[in-house]
Amino acid sequence: MDGTEFKERLDAAHKWPCIFMFKFIMRPEQLADLKEIFPEEGWRSRPSSGGKYVAVTMERWVTSSEEVLAIYQKAALIEGVMLL
């Protein structure tokens, strides 16, 4: 899905501004990289059953679909992170 289609889906599903839930999956050692980009405030993490990965849920007050896209683009800079 390209950014335009994703933005259109976001705009159809959300009324801005709102609290948006971001989800990421990464290796535990990548949490430090996430902390550098986003303050730990407003997010929680949960290790996978095998401990190989960690799921991170981040809730943020956002004003637009553009802001959501910008946050996902920042998170995508972390090598190996999976954006959900």
Protein backbone atom coordinates (compact mmCIF):
# COMPACT_ATOMS: atom_id res chain seq x y z
CA MET A 1 0.00 0.00 0.00
CA ASP A 2 1.46 3.37 -0.94
CA GLY A 3 1.41 6.45 1.30
CA THR A 4 -1.50 8.06 -0.56
CA GLU A 5 -3.76 5.04 -0.16
CA PHE A 6 -2.78 4.66 3.50
CA LYS A 7 -3.48 8.37 4.12
CA GLU A 8 -6.91 8.05 2.49
CA ARG A 9 -7.74 5.04 4.68
CA LEU A 10 -6.59 6.89 7.78
CA ASP A 11 -8.71 9.91 6.90
CA ALA A 12 -11.75 7.69 6.27
CA ALA A 13 -11.37 5.85 9.58
CA HIS A 14 -10.37 8.67 11.96
CA LYS A 15 -11.58 12.09 12.95
CA TRP A 16 -8.58 14.36 13.56
CA PRO A 17 -7.24 15.19 16.05
CA CYS A 18 -7.33 11.94 18.00
CA ILE A 19 -5.31 9.42 19.93
CA PHE A 20 -3.75 6.99 17.44
CA MET A 21 -2.33 3.58 18.31
CA PHE A 22 0.97 2.70 16.61
CA LYS A 23 2.32 -0.86 16.72
CA PHE A 24 5.84 -2.07 16.01
CA ILE A 25 7.67 -5.38 16.30
CA MET A 26 11.44 -5.43 16.72
CA ARG A 27 14.34 -7.19 18.37
CA PRO A 28 14.73 -6.25 22.06
CA GLU A 29 18.08 -4.54 21.44
CA GLN A 30 16.32 -2.10 19.07
CA LEU A 31 14.27 -0.57 21.90
CA ALA A 32 17.11 1.88 22.54
CA ASP A 33 16.80 3.09 18.93
CA LEU A 34 13.07 3.59 19.41
CA LYS A 35 13.70 5.56 22.62
CA GLU A 36 16.04 7.89 20.70
CA ILE A 37 13.30 8.71 18.18
CA PHE A 38 10.24 8.69 20.45
CA PRO A 39 9.98 9.42 24.15
CA GLU A 40 9.10 6.31 26.13
CA GLU A 41 6.11 8.15 27.51
CA GLY A 42 2.90 6.73 26.06
CA TRP A 43 4.20 3.38 24.92
CA ARG A 44 4.44 -0.10 26.33
CA SER A 45 6.35 -3.18 25.26
CA ARG A 46 5.76 -6.90 25.55
CA PRO A 47 8.30 -9.62 24.73
CA SER A 48 7.36 -12.50 22.46
CA SER A 49 7.01 -15.92 24.05
CA GLY A 50 10.48 -16.91 22.82
CA GLY A 51 12.01 -13.58 23.74
CA LYS A 52 13.39 -13.04 20.24
CA TYR A 53 11.13 -10.05 19.54
CA VAL A 54 9.29 -7.36 21.41
CA ALA A 55 5.96 -5.81 20.46
CA VAL A 56 5.64 -2.10 21.14
CA THR A 57 2.34 -0.23 21.27
CA MET A 58 2.55 3.54 21.27
CA GLU A 59 -0.45 5.79 21.77
CA ARG A 60 -0.04 9.36 20.62
CA TRP A 61 -2.24 12.41 20.21
CA VAL A 62 -1.98 13.28 16.52
CA THR A 63 -3.57 16.06 14.54
CA SER A 64 -3.65 14.53 11.05
CA SER A 65 -2.95 11.56 8.84
CA GLU A 66 0.22 13.36 7.73
CA GLU A 67 1.49 13.22 11.31
CA VAL A 68 0.75 9.48 11.47
CA LEU A 69 2.70 8.94 8.25
CA ALA A 70 5.62 11.01 9.57
CA ILE A 71 5.81 8.92 12.74
CA TYR A 72 5.77 5.67 10.77
CA GLN A 73 8.48 7.06 8.47
CA LYS A 74 10.67 7.88 11.49
CA ALA A 75 10.14 4.41 12.95
CA ALA A 76 10.98 2.83 9.58
CA LEU A 77 14.51 4.27 9.97
CA ILE A 78 15.17 1.61 12.62
CA GLU A 79 16.67 -1.29 10.73
CA GLY A 80 14.55 -4.42 10.93
CA VAL A 81 11.53 -2.84 12.62
CA MET A 82 8.17 -4.16 11.44
CA LEU A 83 5.42 -1.56 11.23
CA LEU A 84 1.87 -2.73 11.89
